[in-house]
Amino acid sequence: MKIQEITDRMNQEKLESLFILKPENIAYVTGFKPSSASVLIIKEEPVLFSTKLDIELAQSQSCVPVKEFKSLDELKKSLKETLKGKIGIENSMSVGTYKKICQDFETVPNDIIESFRVFKSKSEIKKIEGAIRIAEDSFEDIDFSKFSGSEDELAAKLEYNMRKAGSLRPSFETIVASGPRSSNPHASSTSSKLERPVMIDWGAFYRNYASDITRSIVQTPKEEEILSILLDAQKEAIKSITPGIEASHVDKVARSVIREYGYGKYFIHSTGHGVGLEVHEKPSLSSKSDEKLEKGMVVTVEPGIYLEGKFGLRVEDMVLIKNRTKILTKLPRKILSKTP
């Protein structure tokens, strides 16, 4: 079904074939995610070229025929004999790869595969929910009132729990930032002992699909006040999400709530993003986005306030857009804790 829908779109855009290199795009179309160089050619009779490192798995998992990928030069020679007309290439293709293989063809950059990936099927949603459950169970398995280790140790504990529960790997580098370091939204964890507040941003991969969650553990009245503001902003932002709404409007709603409390300049990133085969994908819930939100999309809603030199907090949940928005994450959003 995916192949037919993709080729229908190709026909609309007058493309004879698509040249796909991105592992996530290959996984979306074929069901097989390569670990080494692979090339998917979508045409009347699609074919996946896979190296010897992957070919056994590719042949058992791919829904399209698999051939061995030996070298770009050999592939280019073969394609020159079989491909005619306009060839669609991914916007993400590197300049180096383009120079090696595409200069002799008439190519058109496109995001056809990504445009399909935005809308999640029922089976994809189940995989995303699986990744969420792994991440949440791994978090709940930690007793934060007794944990007295470092940021690194907490990140390692979370990642160990996720791996043990079935995650192939973290969906991104686990963020554990405590004390004043939490004012850096994407701080890497350190060997420093855990302080309060603690901002934890983590996620799992389940059957190639990602989750992305953030929780902030607070202690003082000021930290609790900031967290309450974020929860208010997130609530209003989620409430504003309906099919057909502009993504930029959701960002505007979250930002306006935080601004009303006097912290507008301390919300320094977008309100959210899509999640699927990648932890960051379309759509973007930012002020500059021209995208519209539609049924079947899975997005994060993650307002944050970062007071430089003091502390920062963020709360992030994943939601499925239906006629009514469904919040997929279940963890409590308000977490109070005493320093161990």
C-alpha atoms as a PDB file:
ATOM      1  CA  MET A   1       0.000   0.000   0.000  1.00  0.00           C
ATOM      2  CA  LYS A   2       2.804   2.441   0.898  1.00  0.00           C
ATOM      3  CA  ILE A   3       4.604   1.779  -2.375  1.00  0.00           C
ATOM      4  CA  GLN A   4       1.440   2.428  -4.377  1.00  0.00           C
ATOM      5  CA  GLU A   5       0.707   5.684  -2.534  1.00  0.00           C
ATOM      6  CA  ILE A   6       4.296   6.825  -3.008  1.00  0.00           C
ATOM      7  CA  THR A   7       4.328   6.002  -6.715  1.00  0.00           C
ATOM      8  CA  ASP A   8       1.011   7.830  -7.128  1.00  0.00           C
ATOM      9  CA  ARG A   9       2.641  10.920  -5.630  1.00  0.00           C
ATOM     10  CA  MET A  10       5.674  10.434  -7.861  1.00  0.00           C
ATOM     11  CA  ASN A  11       3.406  10.373 -10.901  1.00  0.00           C
ATOM     12  CA  GLN A  12       1.784  13.618  -9.763  1.00  0.00           C
ATOM     13  CA  GLU A  13       5.227  15.217  -9.528  1.00  0.00           C
ATOM     14  CA  LYS A  14       6.353  13.617 -12.825  1.00  0.00           C
ATOM     15  CA  LEU A  15       9.170  11.604 -11.234  1.00  0.00           C
ATOM     16  CA  GLU A  16      10.254   8.358 -12.857  1.00  0.00           C
ATOM     17  CA  SER A  17      11.988   7.094  -9.710  1.00  0.00           C
ATOM     18  CA  LEU A  18      13.045   7.969  -6.157  1.00  0.00           C
ATOM     19  CA  PHE A  19      16.579   7.556  -4.811  1.00  0.00           C
ATOM     20  CA  ILE A  20      16.381   6.920  -1.035  1.00  0.00           C
ATOM     21  CA  LEU A  21      19.391   6.822   1.297  1.00  0.00           C
ATOM     22  CA  LYS A  22      18.093   7.895   4.704  1.00  0.00           C
ATOM     23  CA  PRO A  23      17.794   4.815   6.979  1.00  0.00           C
ATOM     24  CA  GLU A  24      14.519   6.011   8.518  1.00  0.00           C
ATOM     25  CA  ASN A  25      12.975   6.507   5.083  1.00  0.00           C
ATOM     26  CA  ILE A  26      14.136   3.079   3.976  1.00  0.00           C
ATOM     27  CA  ALA A  27      12.650   1.589   7.153  1.00  0.00           C
ATOM     28  CA  TYR A  28       9.352   3.349   6.543  1.00  0.00           C
ATOM     29  CA  VAL A  29       8.996   1.961   3.023  1.00  0.00           C
ATOM     30  CA  THR A  30      10.521  -1.519   3.367  1.00  0.00           C
ATOM     31  CA  GLY A  31      10.188  -2.461   7.054  1.00  0.00           C
ATOM     32  CA  PHE A  32      13.967  -2.907   7.287  1.00  0.00           C
ATOM     33  CA  LYS A  33      16.223  -0.293   8.903  1.00  0.00           C
ATOM     34  CA  PRO A  34      19.788  -0.575   7.594  1.00  0.00           C
ATOM     35  CA  SER A  35      22.841  -0.284   9.834  1.00  0.00           C
ATOM     36  CA  SER A  36      25.227   0.369   6.933  1.00  0.00           C
ATOM     37  CA  ALA A  37      25.121   2.040   3.520  1.00  0.00           C
ATOM     38  CA  SER A  38      21.934   1.123   1.661  1.00  0.00           C
ATOM     39  CA  VAL A  39      20.073   2.538  -1.306  1.00  0.00           C
ATOM     40  CA  LEU A  40      16.379   2.127  -2.055  1.00  0.00           C
ATOM     41  CA  ILE A  41      15.255   2.789  -5.607  1.00  0.00           C
ATOM     42  CA  ILE A  42      11.505   3.280  -5.917  1.00  0.00           C
ATOM     43  CA  LYS A  43      10.259   2.821  -9.469  1.00  0.00           C
ATOM     44  CA  GLU A  44       7.892   0.475 -11.282  1.00  0.00           C
ATOM     45  CA  GLU A  45       9.790  -2.438  -9.743  1.00  0.00           C
ATOM     46  CA  PRO A  46      11.447  -1.116  -6.550  1.00  0.00           C
ATOM     47  CA  VAL A  47      14.685  -2.610  -5.258  1.00  0.00           C
ATOM     48  CA  LEU A  48      16.766  -2.226  -2.101  1.00  0.00           C
ATOM     49  CA  PHE A  49      20.558  -2.367  -2.428  1.00  0.00           C
ATOM     50  CA  SER A  50      22.142  -3.538   0.835  1.00  0.00           C
ATOM     51  CA  THR A  51      25.732  -4.319   1.837  1.00  0.00           C
ATOM     52  CA  LYS A  52      26.895  -7.749   2.968  1.00  0.00           C
ATOM     53  CA  LEU A  53      26.753  -6.464   6.566  1.00  0.00           C
ATOM     54  CA  ASP A  54      22.967  -6.135   6.335  1.00  0.00           C
ATOM     55  CA  ILE A  55      21.860  -8.279   3.435  1.00  0.00           C
ATOM     56  CA  GLU A  56      20.729 -11.309   5.437  1.00  0.00           C
ATOM     57  CA  LEU A  57      18.448  -9.234   7.664  1.00  0.00           C
ATOM     58  CA  ALA A  58      17.342  -7.121   4.724  1.00  0.00           C
ATOM     59  CA  GLN A  59      16.241 -10.175   2.778  1.00  0.00           C
ATOM     60  CA  SER A  60      14.234 -11.455   5.736  1.00  0.00           C
ATOM     61  CA  GLN A  61      12.611  -8.119   6.692  1.00  0.00           C
ATOM     62  CA  SER A  62      12.282  -6.011   3.545  1.00  0.00           C
ATOM     63  CA  CYS A  63       8.994  -6.012   1.652  1.00  0.00           C
ATOM     64  CA  VAL A  64      10.833  -5.124  -1.576  1.00  0.00           C
ATOM     65  CA  PRO A  65      13.446  -7.256  -3.392  1.00  0.00           C
ATOM     66  CA  VAL A  66      17.032  -6.954  -2.144  1.00  0.00           C
ATOM     67  CA  LYS A  67      20.261  -6.893  -4.116  1.00  0.00           C
ATOM     68  CA  GLU A  68      23.836  -6.560  -2.912  1.00  0.00           C
ATOM     69  CA  PHE A  69      25.269  -3.047  -2.748  1.00  0.00           C
ATOM     70  CA  LYS A  70      28.961  -3.264  -3.634  1.00  0.00           C
ATOM     71  CA  SER A  71      30.026   0.308  -4.422  1.00  0.00           C
ATOM     72  CA  LEU A  72      28.614   3.662  -5.492  1.00  0.00           C
ATOM     73  CA  ASP A  73      30.519   3.438  -8.779  1.00  0.00           C
ATOM     74  CA  GLU A  74      28.995   0.078  -9.628  1.00  0.00           C
ATOM     75  CA  LEU A  75      25.538   1.243  -8.565  1.00  0.00           C
ATOM     76  CA  LYS A  76      25.856   4.393 -10.636  1.00  0.00           C
ATOM     77  CA  LYS A  77      26.790   2.346 -13.708  1.00  0.00           C
ATOM     78  CA  SER A  78      23.777   0.099 -13.192  1.00  0.00           C
ATOM     79  CA  LEU A  79      21.404   3.030 -12.656  1.00  0.00           C
ATOM     80  CA  LYS A  80      22.566   4.772 -15.832  1.00  0.00           C
ATOM     81  CA  GLU A  81      21.370   1.716 -17.753  1.00  0.00           C
ATOM     82  CA  THR A  82      17.986   1.445 -16.029  1.00  0.00           C
ATOM     83  CA  LEU A  83      16.847   4.873 -14.794  1.00  0.00           C
ATOM     84  CA  LYS A  84      15.343   7.396 -17.183  1.00  0.00           C
ATOM     85  CA  GLY A  85      13.657  10.757 -16.727  1.00  0.00           C
ATOM     86  CA  LYS A  86      13.532  12.804 -13.534  1.00  0.00           C
ATOM     87  CA  ILE A  87      14.831  11.218 -10.351  1.00  0.00           C
ATOM     88  CA  GLY A  88      13.641  12.391  -6.949  1.00  0.00           C
ATOM     89  CA  ILE A  89      16.357  12.718  -4.315  1.00  0.00           C
ATOM     90  CA  GLU A  90      16.032  13.440  -0.599  1.00  0.00           C
ATOM     91  CA  ASN A  91      16.588  16.962   0.669  1.00  0.00           C
ATOM     92  CA  SER A  92      18.918  15.419   3.257  1.00  0.00           C
ATOM     93  CA  MET A  93      21.331  13.975   0.681  1.00  0.00           C
ATOM     94  CA  SER A  94      24.886  15.184   1.290  1.00  0.00           C
ATOM     95  CA  VAL A  95      26.738  17.230  -1.314  1.00  0.00           C
ATOM     96  CA  GLY A  96      29.456  14.568  -1.441  1.00  0.00           C
ATOM     97  CA  THR A  97      27.006  11.779  -2.251  1.00  0.00           C
ATOM     98  CA  TYR A  98      25.255  13.941  -4.819  1.00  0.00           C
ATOM     99  CA  LYS A  99      28.537  14.603  -6.608  1.00  0.00           C
ATOM    100  CA  LYS A 100      29.438  10.917  -6.603  1.00  0.00           C
ATOM    101  CA  ILE A 101      26.243   9.518  -8.039  1.00  0.00           C
ATOM    102  CA  CYS A 102      23.666  12.074  -9.139  1.00  0.00           C
ATOM    103  CA  GLN A 103      25.372  14.597 -11.383  1.00  0.00           C
ATOM    104  CA  ASP A 104      24.734  12.539 -14.519  1.00  0.00           C
ATOM    105  CA  PHE A 105      20.980  12.388 -13.837  1.00  0.00           C
ATOM    106  CA  GLU A 106      18.168  14.900 -13.914  1.00  0.00           C
ATOM    107  CA  THR A 107      17.352  15.144 -10.210  1.00  0.00           C
ATOM    108  CA  VAL A 108      14.683  16.933  -8.183  1.00  0.00           C
ATOM    109  CA  PRO A 109      15.015  17.371  -4.376  1.00  0.00           C
ATOM    110  CA  ASN A 110      11.855  16.345  -2.558  1.00  0.00           C
ATOM    111  CA  ASP A 111      10.424  15.212   0.769  1.00  0.00           C
ATOM    112  CA  ILE A 112       7.834  12.742  -0.502  1.00  0.00           C
ATOM    113  CA  ILE A 113       8.676  10.037   2.057  1.00  0.00           C
ATOM    114  CA  GLU A 114       8.755  12.500   4.964  1.00  0.00           C
ATOM    115  CA  SER A 115       5.363  13.859   3.916  1.00  0.00           C
ATOM    116  CA  PHE A 116       3.901  10.347   4.331  1.00  0.00           C
ATOM    117  CA  ARG A 117       5.782   9.687   7.562  1.00  0.00           C
ATOM    118  CA  VAL A 118       4.033  12.624   9.242  1.00  0.00           C
ATOM    119  CA  PHE A 119       0.791  10.623   9.425  1.00  0.00           C
ATOM    120  CA  LYS A 120       1.022   7.593  11.695  1.00  0.00           C
ATOM    121  CA  SER A 121      -0.875   4.374  11.017  1.00  0.00           C
ATOM    122  CA  LYS A 122      -2.453   2.340  13.824  1.00  0.00           C
ATOM    123  CA  SER A 123       0.535  -0.023  13.855  1.00  0.00           C
ATOM    124  CA  GLU A 124       2.968   2.896  14.063  1.00  0.00           C
ATOM    125  CA  ILE A 125       1.037   4.421  16.952  1.00  0.00           C
ATOM    126  CA  LYS A 126       1.225   1.110  18.817  1.00  0.00           C
ATOM    127  CA  LYS A 127       4.998   1.082  18.376  1.00  0.00           C
ATOM    128  CA  ILE A 128       5.257   4.666  19.616  1.00  0.00           C
ATOM    129  CA  GLU A 129       3.117   3.744  22.619  1.00  0.00           C
ATOM    130  CA  GLY A 130       5.464   0.823  23.223  1.00  0.00           C
ATOM    131  CA  ALA A 131       8.433   3.201  23.265  1.00  0.00           C
ATOM    132  CA  ILE A 132       6.565   5.466  25.694  1.00  0.00           C
ATOM    133  CA  ARG A 133       5.748   2.604  28.075  1.00  0.00           C
ATOM    134  CA  ILE A 134       9.386   1.491  28.129  1.00  0.00           C
ATOM    135  CA  ALA A 135      10.558   5.023  28.917  1.00  0.00           C
ATOM    136  CA  GLU A 136       7.936   5.605  31.589  1.00  0.00           C
ATOM    137  CA  ASP A 137       8.392   2.247  33.321  1.00  0.00           C
ATOM    138  CA  SER A 138      12.150   2.827  33.357  1.00  0.00           C
ATOM    139  CA  PHE A 139      11.643   6.209  35.026  1.00  0.00           C
ATOM    140  CA  GLU A 140       9.197   4.869  37.607  1.00  0.00           C
ATOM    141  CA  ASP A 141      11.645   2.104  38.508  1.00  0.00           C
ATOM    142  CA  ILE A 142      13.930   4.729  40.087  1.00  0.00           C
ATOM    143  CA  ASP A 143      13.329   5.941  43.659  1.00  0.00           C
ATOM    144  CA  PHE A 144      14.394   9.569  43.381  1.00  0.00           C
ATOM    145  CA  SER A 145      13.943  10.161  47.130  1.00  0.00           C
ATOM    146  CA  LYS A 146      16.791   7.721  47.781  1.00  0.00           C
ATOM    147  CA  PHE A 147      18.969   8.285  44.714  1.00  0.00           C
ATOM    148  CA  SER A 148      22.234   9.944  45.802  1.00  0.00           C
ATOM    149  CA  GLY A 149      24.482   9.424  42.780  1.00  0.00           C
ATOM    150  CA  SER A 150      25.638  11.726  40.000  1.00  0.00           C
ATOM    151  CA  GLU A 151      23.866  13.025  36.908  1.00  0.00           C
ATOM    152  CA  ASP A 152      25.841  10.522  34.838  1.00  0.00           C
ATOM    153  CA  GLU A 153      24.781   7.672  37.102  1.00  0.00           C
ATOM    154  CA  LEU A 154      21.119   8.654  36.860  1.00  0.00           C
ATOM    155  CA  ALA A 155      21.326   8.860  33.055  1.00  0.00           C
ATOM    156  CA  ALA A 156      23.058   5.474  32.970  1.00  0.00           C
ATOM    157  CA  LYS A 157      20.427   3.957  35.278  1.00  0.00           C
ATOM    158  CA  LEU A 158      17.609   5.199  33.049  1.00  0.00           C
ATOM    159  CA  GLU A 159      19.314   3.906  29.915  1.00  0.00           C
ATOM    160  CA  TYR A 160      20.032   0.547  31.563  1.00  0.00           C
ATOM    161  CA  ASN A 161      16.385   0.225  32.582  1.00  0.00           C
ATOM    162  CA  MET A 162      15.221   1.031  29.052  1.00  0.00           C
ATOM    163  CA  ARG A 163      17.620  -1.426  27.456  1.00  0.00           C
ATOM    164  CA  LYS A 164      16.536  -4.114  29.897  1.00  0.00           C
ATOM    165  CA  ALA A 165      12.884  -3.396  29.066  1.00  0.00           C
ATOM    166  CA  GLY A 166      13.383  -3.826  25.324  1.00  0.00           C
ATOM    167  CA  SER A 167      14.727  -0.552  23.943  1.00  0.00           C
ATOM    168  CA  LEU A 168      17.434  -1.050  21.338  1.00  0.00           C
ATOM    169  CA  ARG A 169      19.072   2.170  22.547  1.00  0.00           C
ATOM    170  CA  PRO A 170      18.033   5.590  23.878  1.00  0.00           C
ATOM    171  CA  SER A 171      16.227   7.624  21.227  1.00  0.00           C
ATOM    172  CA  PHE A 172      18.726  10.435  21.944  1.00  0.00           C
ATOM    173  CA  GLU A 173      21.405  11.291  24.499  1.00  0.00           C
ATOM    174  CA  THR A 174      19.658  11.253  27.874  1.00  0.00           C
ATOM    175  CA  ILE A 175      19.632  14.714  29.455  1.00  0.00           C
ATOM    176  CA  VAL A 176      20.041  14.906  33.221  1.00  0.00           C
ATOM    177  CA  ALA A 177      20.715  18.487  34.321  1.00  0.00           C
ATOM    178  CA  SER A 178      20.461  19.476  37.978  1.00  0.00           C
ATOM    179  CA  GLY A 179      20.848  22.620  40.065  1.00  0.00           C
ATOM    180  CA  PRO A 180      22.033  25.684  38.115  1.00  0.00           C
ATOM    181  CA  ARG A 181      22.992  23.483  35.141  1.00  0.00           C
ATOM    182  CA  SER A 182      19.299  22.839  34.468  1.00  0.00           C
ATOM    183  CA  SER A 183      19.053  26.319  32.915  1.00  0.00           C
ATOM    184  CA  ASN A 184      20.782  24.823  29.842  1.00  0.00           C
ATOM    185  CA  PRO A 185      17.938  23.137  27.875  1.00  0.00           C
ATOM    186  CA  HIS A 186      20.196  20.531  26.217  1.00  0.00           C
ATOM    187  CA  ALA A 187      22.824  20.042  28.903  1.00  0.00           C
ATOM    188  CA  SER A 188      24.756  16.778  28.832  1.00  0.00           C
ATOM    189  CA  SER A 189      24.923  14.977  32.158  1.00  0.00           C
ATOM    190  CA  THR A 190      28.107  15.278  34.242  1.00  0.00           C
ATOM    191  CA  SER A 191      29.839  13.420  37.067  1.00  0.00           C
ATOM    192  CA  SER A 192      28.548  16.054  39.515  1.00  0.00           C
ATOM    193  CA  LYS A 193      26.308  14.872  42.336  1.00  0.00           C
ATOM    194  CA  LEU A 194      22.615  15.334  41.684  1.00  0.00           C
ATOM    195  CA  GLU A 195      21.146  18.588  42.996  1.00  0.00           C
ATOM    196  CA  ARG A 196      17.646  20.029  42.952  1.00  0.00           C
ATOM    197  CA  PRO A 197      15.845  20.826  40.761  1.00  0.00           C
ATOM    198  CA  VAL A 198      16.483  18.005  38.280  1.00  0.00           C
ATOM    199  CA  MET A 199      15.427  18.190  34.632  1.00  0.00           C
ATOM    200  CA  ILE A 200      15.360  14.790  32.905  1.00  0.00           C
ATOM    201  CA  ASP A 201      14.732  14.412  29.162  1.00  0.00           C
ATOM    202  CA  TRP A 202      14.831  10.832  27.877  1.00  0.00           C
ATOM    203  CA  GLY A 203      13.299   8.404  25.422  1.00  0.00           C
ATOM    204  CA  ALA A 204      13.345   4.839  24.154  1.00  0.00           C
ATOM    205  CA  PHE A 205      13.233   3.084  20.789  1.00  0.00           C
ATOM    206  CA  TYR A 206      10.723   0.275  20.307  1.00  0.00           C
ATOM    207  CA  ARG A 207      10.660  -1.520  16.950  1.00  0.00           C
ATOM    208  CA  ASN A 208      12.364   1.513  15.363  1.00  0.00           C
ATOM    209  CA  TYR A 209       9.915   4.073  16.818  1.00  0.00           C
ATOM    210  CA  ALA A 210      10.890   6.705  19.373  1.00  0.00           C
ATOM    211  CA  SER A 211       9.527   8.319  22.513  1.00  0.00           C
ATOM    212  CA  ASP A 212      10.518  11.678  24.008  1.00  0.00           C
ATOM    213  CA  ILE A 213       9.537  12.751  27.533  1.00  0.00           C
ATOM    214  CA  THR A 214      10.750  15.420  29.976  1.00  0.00           C
ATOM    215  CA  ARG A 215      10.059  15.663  33.693  1.00  0.00           C
ATOM    216  CA  SER A 216      11.377  18.181  36.203  1.00  0.00           C
ATOM    217  CA  ILE A 217      11.732  17.250  39.868  1.00  0.00           C
ATOM    218  CA  VAL A 218      11.343  20.352  42.034  1.00  0.00           C
ATOM    219  CA  GLN A 219      11.852  21.167  45.688  1.00  0.00           C
ATOM    220  CA  THR A 220      11.561  24.859  46.586  1.00  0.00           C
ATOM    221  CA  PRO A 221       8.417  27.023  46.418  1.00  0.00           C
ATOM    222  CA  LYS A 222       9.971  29.044  43.555  1.00  0.00           C
ATOM    223  CA  GLU A 223      10.664  25.910  41.534  1.00  0.00           C
ATOM    224  CA  GLU A 224       7.144  24.669  42.194  1.00  0.00           C
ATOM    225  CA  GLU A 225       5.762  28.039  41.040  1.00  0.00           C
ATOM    226  CA  ILE A 226       7.670  27.860  37.727  1.00  0.00           C
ATOM    227  CA  LEU A 227       6.557  24.274  37.176  1.00  0.00           C
ATOM    228  CA  SER A 228       2.927  25.292  37.751  1.00  0.00           C
ATOM    229  CA  ILE A 229       3.290  27.980  35.074  1.00  0.00           C
ATOM    230  CA  LEU A 230       4.647  25.421  32.624  1.00  0.00           C
ATOM    231  CA  LEU A 231       1.833  23.006  33.378  1.00  0.00           C
ATOM    232  CA  ASP A 232      -0.682  25.783  32.726  1.00  0.00           C
ATOM    233  CA  ALA A 233       1.030  26.676  29.433  1.00  0.00           C
ATOM    234  CA  GLN A 234       1.161  23.033  28.355  1.00  0.00           C
ATOM    235  CA  LYS A 235      -2.481  22.448  29.257  1.00  0.00           C
ATOM    236  CA  GLU A 236      -3.643  25.423  27.183  1.00  0.00           C
ATOM    237  CA  ALA A 237      -1.394  24.479  24.267  1.00  0.00           C
ATOM    238  CA  ILE A 238      -2.718  20.904  24.174  1.00  0.00           C
ATOM    239  CA  LYS A 239      -6.278  22.196  24.465  1.00  0.00           C
ATOM    240  CA  SER A 240      -5.693  24.387  21.385  1.00  0.00           C
ATOM    241  CA  ILE A 241      -4.663  21.451  19.177  1.00  0.00           C
ATOM    242  CA  THR A 242      -7.370  20.473  16.703  1.00  0.00           C
ATOM    243  CA  PRO A 243      -7.161  19.079  13.161  1.00  0.00           C
ATOM    244  CA  GLY A 244      -6.436  21.930  10.751  1.00  0.00           C
ATOM    245  CA  ILE A 245      -4.917  24.304  13.322  1.00  0.00           C
ATOM    246  CA  GLU A 246      -1.643  25.991  12.401  1.00  0.00           C
ATOM    247  CA  ALA A 247       1.330  24.592  14.311  1.00  0.00           C
ATOM    248  CA  SER A 248       2.513  28.142  14.960  1.00  0.00           C
ATOM    249  CA  HIS A 249      -0.761  28.864  16.796  1.00  0.00           C
ATOM    250  CA  VAL A 250      -0.021  26.149  19.378  1.00  0.00           C
ATOM    251  CA  ASP A 251       3.381  27.733  19.980  1.00  0.00           C
ATOM    252  CA  LYS A 252       1.689  31.116  20.333  1.00  0.00           C
ATOM    253  CA  VAL A 253      -0.758  29.785  22.935  1.00  0.00           C
ATOM    254  CA  ALA A 254       1.975  28.242  25.106  1.00  0.00           C
ATOM    255  CA  ARG A 255       4.153  31.335  24.785  1.00  0.00           C
ATOM    256  CA  SER A 256       1.319  33.740  25.649  1.00  0.00           C
ATOM    257  CA  VAL A 257       0.594  31.920  28.930  1.00  0.00           C
ATOM    258  CA  ILE A 258       4.241  32.063  29.976  1.00  0.00           C
ATOM    259  CA  ARG A 259       4.412  35.713  28.909  1.00  0.00           C
ATOM    260  CA  GLU A 260       1.397  36.570  31.084  1.00  0.00           C
ATOM    261  CA  TYR A 261       3.319  35.345  34.118  1.00  0.00           C
ATOM    262  CA  GLY A 262       6.280  37.555  33.164  1.00  0.00           C
ATOM    263  CA  TYR A 263       8.644  34.822  31.938  1.00  0.00           C
ATOM    264  CA  GLY A 264       8.229  35.181  28.178  1.00  0.00           C
ATOM    265  CA  LYS A 265      11.893  35.886  27.444  1.00  0.00           C
ATOM    266  CA  TYR A 266      12.932  32.756  29.331  1.00  0.00           C
ATOM    267  CA  PHE A 267      11.083  30.366  26.988  1.00  0.00           C
ATOM    268  CA  ILE A 268      13.861  30.004  24.430  1.00  0.00           C
ATOM    269  CA  HIS A 269      12.882  27.101  22.169  1.00  0.00           C
ATOM    270  CA  SER A 270       9.884  25.948  20.150  1.00  0.00           C
ATOM    271  CA  THR A 271       6.867  24.343  21.799  1.00  0.00           C
ATOM    272  CA  GLY A 272       7.234  20.926  20.190  1.00  0.00           C
ATOM    273  CA  HIS A 273       7.931  18.653  17.235  1.00  0.00           C
ATOM    274  CA  GLY A 274       6.826  15.468  15.562  1.00  0.00           C
ATOM    275  CA  VAL A 275       8.056  12.059  16.763  1.00  0.00           C
ATOM    276  CA  GLY A 276       8.146   8.759  14.903  1.00  0.00           C
ATOM    277  CA  LEU A 277      11.014   6.885  13.285  1.00  0.00           C
ATOM    278  CA  GLU A 278      13.102   9.882  14.357  1.00  0.00           C
ATOM    279  CA  VAL A 279      12.851  11.668  17.665  1.00  0.00           C
ATOM    280  CA  HIS A 280      12.691  15.017  15.848  1.00  0.00           C
ATOM    281  CA  GLU A 281      10.682  15.093  12.644  1.00  0.00           C
ATOM    282  CA  LYS A 282       7.871  17.049  11.023  1.00  0.00           C
ATOM    283  CA  PRO A 283       5.807  18.963  12.015  1.00  0.00           C
ATOM    284  CA  SER A 284       7.483  21.731  14.017  1.00  0.00           C
ATOM    285  CA  LEU A 285       5.423  23.545  16.653  1.00  0.00           C
ATOM    286  CA  SER A 286       7.331  26.795  16.331  1.00  0.00           C
ATOM    287  CA  SER A 287       6.485  30.422  15.710  1.00  0.00           C
ATOM    288  CA  LYS A 288       7.991  30.183  12.212  1.00  0.00           C
ATOM    289  CA  SER A 289       6.178  27.010  11.150  1.00  0.00           C
ATOM    290  CA  ASP A 290       3.801  27.200   8.188  1.00  0.00           C
ATOM    291  CA  GLU A 291       2.543  23.642   8.741  1.00  0.00           C
ATOM    292  CA  LYS A 292      -0.952  22.612   9.793  1.00  0.00           C
ATOM    293  CA  LEU A 293      -1.655  19.895  12.324  1.00  0.00           C
ATOM    294  CA  GLU A 294      -3.823  17.031  11.117  1.00  0.00           C
ATOM    295  CA  LYS A 295      -5.269  13.766  12.404  1.00  0.00           C
ATOM    296  CA  GLY A 296      -2.700  10.996  12.686  1.00  0.00           C
ATOM    297  CA  MET A 297       0.226  13.210  13.693  1.00  0.00           C
ATOM    298  CA  VAL A 298       2.135  12.553  16.930  1.00  0.00           C
ATOM    299  CA  VAL A 299       3.796  15.609  18.455  1.00  0.00           C
ATOM    300  CA  THR A 300       5.432  16.739  21.672  1.00  0.00           C
ATOM    301  CA  VAL A 301       4.267  19.725  23.712  1.00  0.00           C
ATOM    302  CA  GLU A 302       7.190  20.913  25.829  1.00  0.00           C
ATOM    303  CA  PRO A 303       7.201  24.458  27.230  1.00  0.00           C
ATOM    304  CA  GLY A 304      10.222  25.436  29.316  1.00  0.00           C
ATOM    305  CA  ILE A 305      11.511  28.314  31.433  1.00  0.00           C
ATOM    306  CA  TYR A 306      15.268  28.755  31.890  1.00  0.00           C
ATOM    307  CA  LEU A 307      16.616  31.238  34.446  1.00  0.00           C
ATOM    308  CA  GLU A 308      20.316  31.542  33.654  1.00  0.00           C
ATOM    309  CA  GLY A 309      22.578  30.870  36.622  1.00  0.00           C
ATOM    310  CA  LYS A 310      19.652  29.727  38.766  1.00  0.00           C
ATOM    311  CA  PHE A 311      17.708  26.812  37.298  1.00  0.00           C
ATOM    312  CA  GLY A 312      15.548  25.702  34.388  1.00  0.00           C
ATOM    313  CA  LEU A 313      12.467  23.504  34.098  1.00  0.00           C
ATOM    314  CA  ARG A 314      10.636  21.805  31.241  1.00  0.00           C
ATOM    315  CA  VAL A 315       7.669  19.462  30.996  1.00  0.00           C
ATOM    316  CA  GLU A 316       7.174  17.399  27.846  1.00  0.00           C
ATOM    317  CA  ASP A 317       4.434  15.027  26.792  1.00  0.00           C
ATOM    318  CA  MET A 318       3.546  13.269  23.552  1.00  0.00           C
ATOM    319  CA  VAL A 319       0.095  13.670  22.046  1.00  0.00           C
ATOM    320  CA  LEU A 320      -1.779  12.003  19.184  1.00  0.00           C
ATOM    321  CA  ILE A 321      -3.936  14.319  17.109  1.00  0.00           C
ATOM    322  CA  LYS A 322      -7.411  12.910  16.521  1.00  0.00           C
ATOM    323  CA  ASN A 323     -10.789  14.652  16.490  1.00  0.00           C
ATOM    324  CA  ARG A 324      -9.917  15.142  20.151  1.00  0.00           C
ATOM    325  CA  THR A 325      -6.265  15.207  21.159  1.00  0.00           C
ATOM    326  CA  LYS A 326      -5.108  12.110  23.036  1.00  0.00           C
ATOM    327  CA  ILE A 327      -2.225  12.450  25.501  1.00  0.00           C
ATOM    328  CA  LEU A 328      -0.098   9.330  25.083  1.00  0.00           C
ATOM    329  CA  THR A 329       2.239   9.856  28.039  1.00  0.00           C
ATOM    330  CA  LYS A 330       0.921   8.886  31.483  1.00  0.00           C
ATOM    331  CA  LEU A 331       3.598   9.892  34.010  1.00  0.00           C
ATOM    332  CA  PRO A 332       2.629  12.463  36.664  1.00  0.00           C
ATOM    333  CA  ARG A 333       3.698  15.929  35.532  1.00  0.00           C
ATOM    334  CA  LYS A 334       4.198  17.475  38.955  1.00  0.00           C
ATOM    335  CA  ILE A 335       6.974  15.739  40.862  1.00  0.00           C
ATOM    336  CA  LEU A 336       8.064  17.097  44.261  1.00  0.00           C
ATOM    337  CA  SER A 337      11.086  15.702  46.003  1.00  0.00           C
ATOM    338  CA  LYS A 338      13.366  16.196  48.958  1.00  0.00           C
ATOM    339  CA  THR A 339      17.135  16.112  48.483  1.00  0.00           C
ATOM    340  CA  PRO A 340      18.360  12.638  49.462  1.00  0.00           C
END
